Amino acid sequence: MLKKVTSAQIRAARGLLNWTVRDLAEKSGVHRNTITRAEANDKGPGYALSAICDALEMGGVIFVDSDDEGPGVRLKKKDENAEGQ
């Protein structure tokens, strides 16, 4: 099932991870131009949006559903046990 994310959430998620468009392209397997289009508007091919979201989530981002304040993103809490590994 495709998540409903906004272009602003994609941009914010990439910013939280300090990833360039090139970084996200490499991690998602989606061309840089497609990522740029996805960040410019809320339309795009479903397979690309899914791959983009999957890569960002693997990087540690959580997409927050829309509520009274609107949609958002945040970083996952770091696993304290995994830091020393």
C-alpha atoms as a PDB file:
ATOM      1  CA  MET A   1       0.000   0.000   0.000  1.00  0.00           C
ATOM      2  CA  LEU A   2       1.388   3.385  -1.023  1.00  0.00           C
ATOM      3  CA  LYS A   3       1.835   5.893   1.759  1.00  0.00           C
ATOM      4  CA  LYS A   4       0.369   9.339   1.304  1.00  0.00           C
ATOM      5  CA  VAL A   5       3.295  11.693   1.711  1.00  0.00           C
ATOM      6  CA  THR A   6       3.668  15.258   0.564  1.00  0.00           C
ATOM      7  CA  SER A   7       6.509  16.836  -1.371  1.00  0.00           C
ATOM      8  CA  ALA A   8       7.310  18.891   1.741  1.00  0.00           C
ATOM      9  CA  GLN A   9       7.646  15.711   3.815  1.00  0.00           C
ATOM     10  CA  ILE A  10      10.098  14.251   1.295  1.00  0.00           C
ATOM     11  CA  ARG A  11      12.190  17.436   1.316  1.00  0.00           C
ATOM     12  CA  ALA A  12      12.099  17.625   5.111  1.00  0.00           C
ATOM     13  CA  ALA A  13      13.011  13.956   5.520  1.00  0.00           C
ATOM     14  CA  ARG A  14      15.995  14.330   3.215  1.00  0.00           C
ATOM     15  CA  GLY A  15      17.048  17.422   5.162  1.00  0.00           C
ATOM     16  CA  LEU A  16      16.793  15.643   8.521  1.00  0.00           C
ATOM     17  CA  LEU A  17      19.140  12.971   7.217  1.00  0.00           C
ATOM     18  CA  ASN A  18      21.430  15.569   5.642  1.00  0.00           C
ATOM     19  CA  TRP A  19      21.213  13.701   2.331  1.00  0.00           C
ATOM     20  CA  THR A  20      21.683  15.290  -1.068  1.00  0.00           C
ATOM     21  CA  VAL A  21      19.394  14.408  -3.961  1.00  0.00           C
ATOM     22  CA  ARG A  22      22.259  12.265  -5.244  1.00  0.00           C
ATOM     23  CA  ASP A  23      22.439  10.417  -1.886  1.00  0.00           C
ATOM     24  CA  LEU A  24      18.719   9.679  -1.978  1.00  0.00           C
ATOM     25  CA  ALA A  25      18.922   8.602  -5.622  1.00  0.00           C
ATOM     26  CA  GLU A  26      21.672   6.111  -4.810  1.00  0.00           C
ATOM     27  CA  LYS A  27      19.869   4.720  -1.774  1.00  0.00           C
ATOM     28  CA  SER A  28      16.437   4.497  -3.440  1.00  0.00           C
ATOM     29  CA  GLY A  29      17.391   3.500  -6.975  1.00  0.00           C
ATOM     30  CA  VAL A  30      15.291   6.394  -8.289  1.00  0.00           C
ATOM     31  CA  HIS A  31      16.752   8.880 -10.780  1.00  0.00           C
ATOM     32  CA  ARG A  32      17.685  12.311  -9.407  1.00  0.00           C
ATOM     33  CA  ASN A  33      15.287  14.056 -11.809  1.00  0.00           C
ATOM     34  CA  THR A  34      12.378  11.967 -10.512  1.00  0.00           C
ATOM     35  CA  ILE A  35      13.285  12.833  -6.916  1.00  0.00           C
ATOM     36  CA  THR A  36      13.461  16.520  -7.809  1.00  0.00           C
ATOM     37  CA  ARG A  37       9.991  16.297  -9.402  1.00  0.00           C
ATOM     38  CA  ALA A  38       8.616  14.451  -6.352  1.00  0.00           C
ATOM     39  CA  GLU A  39       9.989  17.190  -4.092  1.00  0.00           C
ATOM     40  CA  ALA A  40       8.505  19.918  -6.306  1.00  0.00           C
ATOM     41  CA  ASN A  41       4.931  18.616  -6.285  1.00  0.00           C
ATOM     42  CA  ASP A  42       2.806  15.910  -4.710  1.00  0.00           C
ATOM     43  CA  LYS A  43       2.467  13.936  -7.954  1.00  0.00           C
ATOM     44  CA  GLY A  44       4.729  11.244  -9.198  1.00  0.00           C
ATOM     45  CA  PRO A  45       4.875   7.604 -10.152  1.00  0.00           C
ATOM     46  CA  GLY A  46       3.785   5.367  -7.276  1.00  0.00           C
ATOM     47  CA  TYR A  47       6.746   3.016  -7.607  1.00  0.00           C
ATOM     48  CA  ALA A  48       9.170   5.939  -7.322  1.00  0.00           C
ATOM     49  CA  LEU A  49       7.434   7.455  -4.299  1.00  0.00           C
ATOM     50  CA  SER A  50       7.397   4.070  -2.617  1.00  0.00           C
ATOM     51  CA  ALA A  51      11.131   3.546  -3.232  1.00  0.00           C
ATOM     52  CA  ILE A  52      11.909   7.088  -2.037  1.00  0.00           C
ATOM     53  CA  CYS A  53       9.885   6.632   1.168  1.00  0.00           C
ATOM     54  CA  ASP A  54      11.393   3.207   1.811  1.00  0.00           C
ATOM     55  CA  ALA A  55      14.942   4.594   1.498  1.00  0.00           C
ATOM     56  CA  LEU A  56      14.183   7.532   3.798  1.00  0.00           C
ATOM     57  CA  GLU A  57      12.601   5.222   6.375  1.00  0.00           C
ATOM     58  CA  MET A  58      15.609   2.892   6.220  1.00  0.00           C
ATOM     59  CA  GLY A  59      17.717   5.981   6.896  1.00  0.00           C
ATOM     60  CA  GLY A  60      15.796   6.615  10.109  1.00  0.00           C
ATOM     61  CA  VAL A  61      12.872   8.852   9.164  1.00  0.00           C
ATOM     62  CA  ILE A  62       9.307   8.362  10.353  1.00  0.00           C
ATOM     63  CA  PHE A  63       6.524   9.940   8.290  1.00  0.00           C
ATOM     64  CA  VAL A  64       3.841  11.396  10.571  1.00  0.00           C
ATOM     65  CA  ASP A  65       0.282  11.284   9.267  1.00  0.00           C
ATOM     66  CA  SER A  66      -1.693  14.463   8.946  1.00  0.00           C
ATOM     67  CA  ASP A  67      -3.442  15.640  12.097  1.00  0.00           C
ATOM     68  CA  ASP A  68      -4.756  19.023  13.250  1.00  0.00           C
ATOM     69  CA  GLU A  69      -1.271  20.468  12.675  1.00  0.00           C
ATOM     70  CA  GLY A  70      -0.733  18.788   9.299  1.00  0.00           C
ATOM     71  CA  PRO A  71       1.662  16.059   8.152  1.00  0.00           C
ATOM     72  CA  GLY A  72       5.263  15.893   9.270  1.00  0.00           C
ATOM     73  CA  VAL A  73       8.445  13.871   9.665  1.00  0.00           C
ATOM     74  CA  ARG A  74      10.743  13.006  12.531  1.00  0.00           C
ATOM     75  CA  LEU A  75      13.781  10.856  13.166  1.00  0.00           C
ATOM     76  CA  LYS A  76      13.514   7.496  14.881  1.00  0.00           C
ATOM     77  CA  LYS A  77      14.865   7.307  18.396  1.00  0.00           C
ATOM     78  CA  LYS A  78      18.376   5.880  18.311  1.00  0.00           C
ATOM     79  CA  ASP A  79      18.761   2.430  19.785  1.00  0.00           C
ATOM     80  CA  GLU A  80      21.150   2.953  22.700  1.00  0.00           C
ATOM     81  CA  ASN A  81      22.226  -0.702  22.565  1.00  0.00           C
ATOM     82  CA  ALA A  82      23.263  -0.413  18.890  1.00  0.00           C
ATOM     83  CA  GLU A  83      25.558   2.608  19.355  1.00  0.00           C
ATOM     84  CA  GLY A  84      28.582   0.597  20.431  1.00  0.00           C
ATOM     85  CA  GLN A  85      28.257  -1.933  17.617  1.00  0.00           C
END
